[in-house]
Amino acid sequence: MKRFHVHVNVQEMESSIRFYSMLFGAQPSVVKSDYAKWMLEDPQVNFAISQRGGEVGVDHLGIQVEQVNELADMGQRLGDADAVVLAEKATTCCYARSDKYWAQDPQGVRWESFYTHGEATTYTTAPEGAATGEASPCCGPQSNVANTTCGPKGAGSCC
């Protein structure tokens, strides 16, 4: 079984947690000072928010798999489509240890396919050779497309 994943960058955690808890009728399963996650069964989704200085709005979409072989299958399909931007093994991101494939659709929307091995005590880990205290970028490579939203920025357009 697979679970749909949505990660949204927010401006303020407390009000966002309150809003999404009301929307989903459930409290988050993980709450940190800069991150919260709901593992919902109805609808079956892994919904996460973070406040880490990124542009406010949908950061990326994804598919969380339950078996390692499911991730291998997804990675193969993404590779066949020449869509894989980054493959990560044993990475720490979003307070979890995971293997991932990052892809990008033709519009520049970032997709994360991942298998989670377990929890982590930090949001991310420092990349090899980084200065002390420097965190890795986490949440994959940034989009190659300047505007991944619908319509021109600031134009008030709607999808």
N, C-alpha and C. Protein backbone atom coordinates (compact mmCIF):
# COMPACT_ATOMS: atom_id res chain seq x y z
N MET A 1 0.84 -1.18 0.00
CA MET A 1 0.00 0.00 0.00
C MET A 1 0.88 1.24 0.00
N LYS A 2 0.44 2.26 -0.66
CA LYS A 2 1.16 3.52 -0.73
C LYS A 2 0.31 4.61 -0.09
N ARG A 3 0.98 5.65 0.35
CA ARG A 3 0.30 6.78 1.00
C ARG A 3 0.72 8.06 0.29
N PHE A 4 -0.24 8.89 -0.08
CA PHE A 4 0.03 10.17 -0.71
C PHE A 4 0.69 11.08 0.31
N HIS A 5 1.65 11.89 -0.12
CA HIS A 5 2.38 12.81 0.76
C HIS A 5 2.29 14.23 0.22
N VAL A 6 2.02 15.16 1.11
CA VAL A 6 2.00 16.59 0.78
C VAL A 6 2.81 17.30 1.85
N HIS A 7 3.73 18.17 1.43
CA HIS A 7 4.53 18.97 2.37
C HIS A 7 4.31 20.44 2.02
N VAL A 8 3.87 21.22 3.02
CA VAL A 8 3.56 22.63 2.84
C VAL A 8 4.47 23.46 3.73
N ASN A 9 5.08 24.49 3.17
CA ASN A 9 5.83 25.47 3.96
C ASN A 9 4.83 26.47 4.52
N VAL A 10 4.93 26.76 5.82
CA VAL A 10 4.00 27.69 6.46
C VAL A 10 4.75 28.85 7.06
N GLN A 11 4.01 29.93 7.32
CA GLN A 11 4.62 31.13 7.89
C GLN A 11 4.67 31.05 9.41
N GLU A 12 3.69 30.38 10.03
CA GLU A 12 3.60 30.34 11.48
C GLU A 12 3.06 28.99 11.91
N MET A 13 3.78 28.28 12.78
CA MET A 13 3.44 26.90 13.14
C MET A 13 2.16 26.78 13.97
N GLU A 14 2.03 27.53 15.04
CA GLU A 14 0.91 27.34 15.97
C GLU A 14 -0.44 27.49 15.29
N SER A 15 -0.64 28.56 14.54
CA SER A 15 -1.93 28.75 13.87
C SER A 15 -2.14 27.71 12.77
N SER A 16 -1.05 27.29 12.11
CA SER A 16 -1.16 26.28 11.06
C SER A 16 -1.52 24.92 11.65
N ILE A 17 -0.91 24.56 12.76
CA ILE A 17 -1.26 23.30 13.42
C ILE A 17 -2.72 23.32 13.85
N ARG A 18 -3.16 24.42 14.40
CA ARG A 18 -4.56 24.56 14.82
C ARG A 18 -5.49 24.40 13.62
N PHE A 19 -5.18 25.08 12.51
CA PHE A 19 -6.03 25.01 11.32
C PHE A 19 -6.10 23.58 10.77
N TYR A 20 -4.95 22.96 10.54
CA TYR A 20 -4.94 21.63 9.94
C TYR A 20 -5.52 20.57 10.89
N SER A 21 -5.35 20.74 12.19
CA SER A 21 -5.97 19.82 13.15
C SER A 21 -7.49 19.89 13.06
N MET A 22 -8.01 21.10 12.91
CA MET A 22 -9.45 21.26 12.74
C MET A 22 -9.91 20.69 11.40
N LEU A 23 -9.17 20.97 10.34
CA LEU A 23 -9.52 20.47 9.01
C LEU A 23 -9.57 18.95 8.99
N PHE A 24 -8.55 18.30 9.57
CA PHE A 24 -8.45 16.85 9.54
C PHE A 24 -9.21 16.17 10.67
N GLY A 25 -9.64 16.94 11.70
CA GLY A 25 -10.31 16.33 12.84
C GLY A 25 -9.37 15.44 13.64
N ALA A 26 -8.08 15.77 13.64
CA ALA A 26 -7.07 14.96 14.32
C ALA A 26 -5.87 15.82 14.66
N GLN A 27 -5.19 15.45 15.73
CA GLN A 27 -3.97 16.13 16.12
C GLN A 27 -2.80 15.52 15.35
N PRO A 28 -1.71 16.26 15.14
CA PRO A 28 -0.56 15.71 14.44
C PRO A 28 0.08 14.56 15.23
N SER A 29 0.67 13.63 14.49
CA SER A 29 1.38 12.51 15.13
C SER A 29 2.80 12.90 15.51
N VAL A 30 3.34 13.94 14.87
CA VAL A 30 4.67 14.47 15.18
C VAL A 30 4.54 15.99 15.27
N VAL A 31 5.07 16.56 16.36
CA VAL A 31 5.11 18.02 16.50
C VAL A 31 6.50 18.41 16.99
N LYS A 32 7.15 19.28 16.24
CA LYS A 32 8.44 19.87 16.60
C LYS A 32 8.28 21.38 16.49
N SER A 33 9.28 22.12 16.89
CA SER A 33 9.18 23.58 16.83
C SER A 33 9.05 24.10 15.41
N ASP A 34 9.57 23.34 14.43
CA ASP A 34 9.57 23.80 13.03
C ASP A 34 8.89 22.82 12.08
N TYR A 35 8.17 21.84 12.62
CA TYR A 35 7.64 20.75 11.78
C TYR A 35 6.47 20.06 12.47
N ALA A 36 5.48 19.65 11.70
CA ALA A 36 4.38 18.83 12.22
C ALA A 36 3.93 17.90 11.09
N LYS A 37 3.44 16.71 11.50
CA LYS A 37 3.01 15.73 10.51
C LYS A 37 1.75 15.01 11.00
N TRP A 38 0.83 14.82 10.07
CA TRP A 38 -0.39 14.04 10.31
C TRP A 38 -0.32 12.80 9.44
N MET A 39 -0.43 11.63 10.03
CA MET A 39 -0.50 10.37 9.27
C MET A 39 -1.96 9.96 9.27
N LEU A 40 -2.69 10.43 8.29
CA LEU A 40 -4.14 10.25 8.25
C LEU A 40 -4.53 8.95 7.56
N GLU A 41 -5.60 8.36 8.04
CA GLU A 41 -6.14 7.15 7.41
C GLU A 41 -7.30 7.48 6.48
N ASP A 42 -7.99 8.60 6.72
CA ASP A 42 -9.12 8.98 5.88
C ASP A 42 -9.12 10.49 5.71
N PRO A 43 -8.58 11.02 4.63
CA PRO A 43 -7.99 10.32 3.50
C PRO A 43 -6.60 9.80 3.88
N GLN A 44 -6.15 8.76 3.22
CA GLN A 44 -4.86 8.17 3.53
C GLN A 44 -3.76 9.05 2.95
N VAL A 45 -3.20 9.87 3.83
CA VAL A 45 -2.20 10.84 3.40
C VAL A 45 -1.20 11.10 4.53
N ASN A 46 0.04 11.34 4.16
CA ASN A 46 1.08 11.82 5.06
C ASN A 46 1.17 13.31 4.75
N PHE A 47 0.60 14.15 5.62
CA PHE A 47 0.55 15.59 5.41
C PHE A 47 1.50 16.25 6.39
N ALA A 48 2.46 17.02 5.89
CA ALA A 48 3.46 17.65 6.74
C ALA A 48 3.53 19.14 6.46
N ILE A 49 3.84 19.90 7.51
CA ILE A 49 4.10 21.33 7.38
C ILE A 49 5.44 21.63 8.04
N SER A 50 6.10 22.67 7.57
CA SER A 50 7.34 23.10 8.22
C SER A 50 7.48 24.61 8.09
N GLN A 51 8.20 25.17 9.04
CA GLN A 51 8.53 26.59 9.05
C GLN A 51 10.04 26.67 9.10
N ARG A 52 10.65 26.70 7.92
CA ARG A 52 12.11 26.66 7.84
C ARG A 52 12.65 27.68 6.84
N GLY A 53 11.87 28.74 6.60
CA GLY A 53 12.37 29.82 5.76
C GLY A 53 12.12 29.65 4.27
N GLY A 54 11.46 28.58 3.85
CA GLY A 54 11.15 28.40 2.43
C GLY A 54 9.96 29.24 2.01
N GLU A 55 9.75 29.30 0.72
CA GLU A 55 8.60 30.03 0.20
C GLU A 55 7.32 29.37 0.70
N VAL A 56 6.38 30.17 1.21
CA VAL A 56 5.13 29.65 1.76
C VAL A 56 4.31 29.01 0.65
N GLY A 57 3.75 27.85 0.93
CA GLY A 57 2.91 27.13 -0.03
C GLY A 57 3.36 25.69 -0.16
N VAL A 58 2.80 25.00 -1.14
CA VAL A 58 3.14 23.59 -1.34
C VAL A 58 4.61 23.50 -1.74
N ASP A 59 5.37 22.74 -0.97
CA ASP A 59 6.79 22.55 -1.24
C ASP A 59 7.00 21.40 -2.22
N HIS A 60 6.37 20.26 -1.94
CA HIS A 60 6.48 19.11 -2.82
C HIS A 60 5.36 18.12 -2.53
N LEU A 61 5.15 17.22 -3.46
CA LEU A 61 4.18 16.13 -3.33
C LEU A 61 4.97 14.83 -3.32
N GLY A 62 4.34 13.75 -2.92
CA GLY A 62 5.08 12.51 -2.91
C GLY A 62 4.23 11.28 -2.70
N ILE A 63 4.92 10.14 -2.73
CA ILE A 63 4.33 8.84 -2.47
C ILE A 63 5.22 8.15 -1.44
N GLN A 64 4.63 7.79 -0.29
CA GLN A 64 5.34 7.03 0.73
C GLN A 64 4.98 5.56 0.56
N VAL A 65 5.99 4.71 0.45
CA VAL A 65 5.75 3.28 0.26
C VAL A 65 5.99 2.55 1.58
N GLU A 66 5.42 1.36 1.70
CA GLU A 66 5.58 0.56 2.92
C GLU A 66 6.65 -0.51 2.81
N GLN A 67 7.08 -0.83 1.59
CA GLN A 67 8.06 -1.89 1.37
C GLN A 67 9.22 -1.36 0.53
N VAL A 68 10.43 -1.83 0.83
CA VAL A 68 11.62 -1.41 0.09
C VAL A 68 11.48 -1.73 -1.40
N ASN A 69 10.90 -2.89 -1.73
CA ASN A 69 10.76 -3.25 -3.15
C ASN A 69 9.81 -2.31 -3.89
N GLU A 70 8.83 -1.74 -3.19
CA GLU A 70 7.95 -0.76 -3.82
C GLU A 70 8.72 0.49 -4.22
N LEU A 71 9.67 0.89 -3.37
CA LEU A 71 10.50 2.06 -3.70
C LEU A 71 11.38 1.76 -4.90
N ALA A 72 11.95 0.57 -4.94
CA ALA A 72 12.78 0.18 -6.09
C ALA A 72 11.96 0.22 -7.38
N ASP A 73 10.72 -0.27 -7.33
CA ASP A 73 9.84 -0.22 -8.51
C ASP A 73 9.56 1.22 -8.93
N MET A 74 9.27 2.09 -7.95
CA MET A 74 9.00 3.49 -8.27
C MET A 74 10.24 4.15 -8.85
N GLY A 75 11.40 3.87 -8.28
CA GLY A 75 12.65 4.42 -8.79
C GLY A 75 12.91 3.98 -10.22
N GLN A 76 12.62 2.73 -10.53
CA GLN A 76 12.78 2.21 -11.89
C GLN A 76 11.86 2.94 -12.86
N ARG A 77 10.60 3.10 -12.48
CA ARG A 77 9.64 3.81 -13.35
C ARG A 77 10.07 5.26 -13.58
N LEU A 78 10.49 5.94 -12.51
CA LEU A 78 10.94 7.32 -12.64
C LEU A 78 12.20 7.41 -13.50
N GLY A 79 13.09 6.44 -13.34
CA GLY A 79 14.30 6.39 -14.17
C GLY A 79 13.96 6.17 -15.63
N ASP A 80 13.00 5.27 -15.89
CA ASP A 80 12.57 5.01 -17.27
C ASP A 80 11.98 6.26 -17.92
N ALA A 81 11.40 7.13 -17.08
CA ALA A 81 10.81 8.38 -17.58
C ALA A 81 11.82 9.52 -17.59
N ASP A 82 13.10 9.22 -17.29
CA ASP A 82 14.15 10.25 -17.20
C ASP A 82 13.74 11.38 -16.27
N ALA A 83 13.07 11.04 -15.16
CA ALA A 83 12.55 12.05 -14.25
C ALA A 83 13.32 12.14 -12.93
N VAL A 84 14.21 11.18 -12.64
CA VAL A 84 14.92 11.20 -11.37
C VAL A 84 15.94 12.35 -11.35
N VAL A 85 15.81 13.20 -10.35
CA VAL A 85 16.72 14.32 -10.18
C VAL A 85 17.79 13.97 -9.14
N LEU A 86 17.39 13.18 -8.12
CA LEU A 86 18.29 12.83 -7.04
C LEU A 86 17.82 11.53 -6.40
N ALA A 87 18.73 10.60 -6.17
CA ALA A 87 18.45 9.38 -5.42
C ALA A 87 19.23 9.48 -4.11
N GLU A 88 18.55 9.26 -2.98
CA GLU A 88 19.19 9.35 -1.68
C GLU A 88 19.02 8.04 -0.93
N LYS A 89 20.07 7.60 -0.28
CA LYS A 89 20.04 6.39 0.57
C LYS A 89 20.36 6.80 1.99
N ALA A 90 19.63 6.26 2.94
CA ALA A 90 19.89 6.47 4.37
C ALA A 90 20.05 7.95 4.71
N THR A 91 19.15 8.78 4.22
CA THR A 91 19.21 10.21 4.49
C THR A 91 18.35 10.55 5.70
N THR A 92 18.67 11.64 6.36
CA THR A 92 17.85 12.15 7.46
C THR A 92 17.22 13.44 6.99
N CYS A 93 15.90 13.47 7.05
CA CYS A 93 15.15 14.66 6.65
C CYS A 93 13.78 14.59 7.31
N CYS A 94 13.29 15.71 7.75
CA CYS A 94 11.96 15.81 8.35
C CYS A 94 11.81 14.87 9.54
N TYR A 95 12.83 14.80 10.36
CA TYR A 95 12.86 13.98 11.57
C TYR A 95 12.64 12.50 11.28
N ALA A 96 13.09 12.04 10.12
CA ALA A 96 12.96 10.63 9.74
C ALA A 96 14.20 10.19 8.97
N ARG A 97 14.49 8.88 9.02
CA ARG A 97 15.56 8.27 8.24
C ARG A 97 14.90 7.56 7.06
N SER A 98 15.31 7.88 5.84
CA SER A 98 14.62 7.36 4.67
C SER A 98 15.56 7.14 3.49
N ASP A 99 15.08 6.32 2.55
CA ASP A 99 15.65 6.21 1.21
C ASP A 99 14.66 6.92 0.31
N LYS A 100 15.15 7.66 -0.71
CA LYS A 100 14.26 8.50 -1.52
C LYS A 100 14.69 8.57 -2.98
N TYR A 101 13.72 8.84 -3.80
CA TYR A 101 13.95 9.27 -5.18
C TYR A 101 13.22 10.60 -5.32
N TRP A 102 13.94 11.61 -5.76
CA TRP A 102 13.34 12.90 -6.06
C TRP A 102 13.19 13.02 -7.57
N ALA A 103 12.04 13.47 -8.00
CA ALA A 103 11.76 13.65 -9.42
C ALA A 103 11.09 15.00 -9.61
N GLN A 104 11.00 15.38 -10.87
CA GLN A 104 10.35 16.64 -11.20
C GLN A 104 9.49 16.43 -12.43
N ASP A 105 8.23 16.87 -12.35
CA ASP A 105 7.36 16.72 -13.53
C ASP A 105 7.68 17.81 -14.55
N PRO A 106 7.09 17.76 -15.75
CA PRO A 106 7.42 18.74 -16.79
C PRO A 106 7.13 20.20 -16.41
N GLN A 107 6.25 20.42 -15.40
CA GLN A 107 5.93 21.78 -14.96
C GLN A 107 6.88 22.26 -13.86
N GLY A 108 7.73 21.36 -13.36
CA GLY A 108 8.66 21.73 -12.30
C GLY A 108 8.17 21.35 -10.91
N VAL A 109 7.04 20.64 -10.80
CA VAL A 109 6.56 20.20 -9.50
C VAL A 109 7.47 19.09 -9.00
N ARG A 110 7.97 19.25 -7.77
CA ARG A 110 8.87 18.26 -7.19
C ARG A 110 8.07 17.12 -6.56
N TRP A 111 8.51 15.89 -6.82
CA TRP A 111 7.89 14.67 -6.28
C TRP A 111 8.93 13.88 -5.51
N GLU A 112 8.55 13.44 -4.32
CA GLU A 112 9.40 12.63 -3.46
C GLU A 112 8.77 11.25 -3.33
N SER A 113 9.49 10.22 -3.71
CA SER A 113 9.07 8.83 -3.48
C SER A 113 10.00 8.31 -2.40
N PHE A 114 9.44 7.74 -1.31
CA PHE A 114 10.32 7.39 -0.20
C PHE A 114 9.82 6.22 0.63
N TYR A 115 10.81 5.57 1.26
CA TYR A 115 10.58 4.50 2.23
C TYR A 115 11.24 4.96 3.52
N THR A 116 10.49 4.99 4.62
CA THR A 116 11.00 5.46 5.90
C THR A 116 11.45 4.28 6.75
N HIS A 117 12.71 4.37 7.21
CA HIS A 117 13.29 3.33 8.08
C HIS A 117 12.96 3.57 9.54
N GLY A 118 12.76 4.82 9.94
CA GLY A 118 12.49 5.13 11.34
C GLY A 118 12.62 6.61 11.61
N GLU A 119 12.44 6.96 12.86
CA GLU A 119 12.49 8.35 13.29
C GLU A 119 13.93 8.82 13.46
N ALA A 120 14.11 10.16 13.45
CA ALA A 120 15.40 10.79 13.72
C ALA A 120 15.18 11.89 14.75
N THR A 121 16.21 12.25 15.45
CA THR A 121 16.09 13.28 16.48
C THR A 121 16.32 14.69 15.95
N THR A 122 16.78 14.80 14.69
CA THR A 122 17.02 16.10 14.08
C THR A 122 16.24 16.20 12.77
N TYR A 123 15.97 17.43 12.35
CA TYR A 123 15.26 17.65 11.09
C TYR A 123 16.07 17.10 9.93
N THR A 124 17.39 17.33 9.99
CA THR A 124 18.29 16.87 8.94
C THR A 124 19.68 16.68 9.55
N THR A 125 20.61 16.19 8.76
CA THR A 125 21.99 16.04 9.22
C THR A 125 22.89 16.88 8.32
N ALA A 126 24.06 17.18 8.82
CA ALA A 126 25.03 17.97 8.04
C ALA A 126 25.60 17.11 6.92
N PRO A 127 25.77 17.68 5.73
CA PRO A 127 26.39 16.94 4.63
C PRO A 127 27.86 16.67 4.94
N GLU A 128 28.39 15.62 4.35
CA GLU A 128 29.79 15.27 4.55
C GLU A 128 30.69 16.44 4.14
N GLY A 129 31.62 16.81 5.01
CA GLY A 129 32.55 17.90 4.72
C GLY A 129 32.00 19.28 5.04
N ALA A 130 30.77 19.35 5.60
CA ALA A 130 30.17 20.65 5.91
C ALA A 130 30.77 21.23 7.19
N ALA A 131 30.64 22.53 7.33
CA ALA A 131 31.09 23.18 8.55
C ALA A 131 30.21 22.75 9.72
N THR A 132 30.75 22.76 10.92
CA THR A 132 30.00 22.36 12.12
C THR A 132 28.73 23.19 12.22
N GLY A 133 27.62 22.51 12.46
CA GLY A 133 26.34 23.19 12.61
C GLY A 133 25.60 23.43 11.31
N GLU A 134 26.24 23.20 10.18
CA GLU A 134 25.60 23.42 8.88
C GLU A 134 24.69 22.24 8.56
N ALA A 135 23.46 22.52 8.22
CA ALA A 135 22.50 21.46 7.91
C ALA A 135 22.46 21.19 6.41
N SER A 136 22.06 19.99 6.06
CA SER A 136 21.88 19.67 4.64
C SER A 136 20.61 20.36 4.14
N PRO A 137 20.44 20.50 2.84
CA PRO A 137 19.30 21.21 2.31
C PRO A 137 17.97 20.53 2.64
N CYS A 138 17.92 19.23 2.73
CA CYS A 138 16.72 18.46 3.05
C CYS A 138 15.59 18.76 2.04
N CYS A 139 14.72 17.85 1.94
CA CYS A 139 13.57 17.95 1.03
C CYS A 139 14.01 18.11 -0.43
N GLY A 140 15.08 17.43 -0.79
CA GLY A 140 15.49 17.30 -2.18
C GLY A 140 16.01 18.55 -2.83
N PRO A 141 16.34 18.42 -4.10
CA PRO A 141 16.84 19.56 -4.86
C PRO A 141 15.72 20.55 -5.14
N GLN A 142 16.09 21.78 -5.30
CA GLN A 142 15.09 22.80 -5.63
C GLN A 142 14.67 22.64 -7.08
N SER A 143 13.50 23.14 -7.39
CA SER A 143 12.95 23.04 -8.74
C SER A 143 13.83 23.76 -9.75
N ASN A 144 13.91 23.21 -10.96
CA ASN A 144 14.63 23.86 -12.05
C ASN A 144 13.76 24.91 -12.73
N VAL A 145 12.50 24.97 -12.37
CA VAL A 145 11.57 25.92 -12.97
C VAL A 145 11.36 27.05 -11.98
N ALA A 146 11.51 28.29 -12.43
CA ALA A 146 11.45 29.45 -11.54
C ALA A 146 10.10 29.58 -10.85
N ASN A 147 9.00 29.37 -11.53
CA ASN A 147 7.67 29.54 -10.95
C ASN A 147 6.89 28.25 -11.10
N THR A 148 6.71 27.52 -9.99
CA THR A 148 5.99 26.25 -10.06
C THR A 148 4.54 26.42 -9.64
N THR A 149 4.09 27.66 -9.49
CA THR A 149 2.70 27.90 -9.14
C THR A 149 1.91 28.27 -10.39
N CYS A 150 0.62 28.23 -10.24
CA CYS A 150 -0.27 28.51 -11.37
C CYS A 150 -0.35 30.02 -11.60
N GLY A 151 -0.08 30.47 -12.79
CA GLY A 151 -0.19 31.89 -13.11
C GLY A 151 1.04 32.68 -12.70
N PRO A 152 1.15 33.90 -13.20
CA PRO A 152 2.32 34.73 -12.87
C PRO A 152 2.31 35.13 -11.40
N LYS A 153 3.50 35.22 -10.78
CA LYS A 153 3.58 35.62 -9.38
C LYS A 153 3.03 37.04 -9.22
N GLY A 154 2.24 37.17 -8.14
CA GLY A 154 1.70 38.47 -7.82
C GLY A 154 0.53 38.89 -8.67
N ALA A 155 0.11 38.06 -9.60
CA ALA A 155 -0.99 38.44 -10.48
C ALA A 155 -2.34 38.08 -9.90
N GLY A 156 -2.35 37.34 -8.78
CA GLY A 156 -3.63 36.96 -8.16
C GLY A 156 -4.38 35.94 -8.96
N SER A 157 -3.70 35.22 -9.86
CA SER A 157 -4.39 34.23 -10.66
C SER A 157 -4.68 32.99 -9.83
N CYS A 158 -5.63 32.21 -10.27
CA CYS A 158 -6.04 31.01 -9.55
C CYS A 158 -6.11 29.83 -10.52
N CYS A 159 -5.77 28.65 -10.01
CA CYS A 159 -5.78 27.46 -10.87
C CYS A 159 -7.20 27.01 -11.17
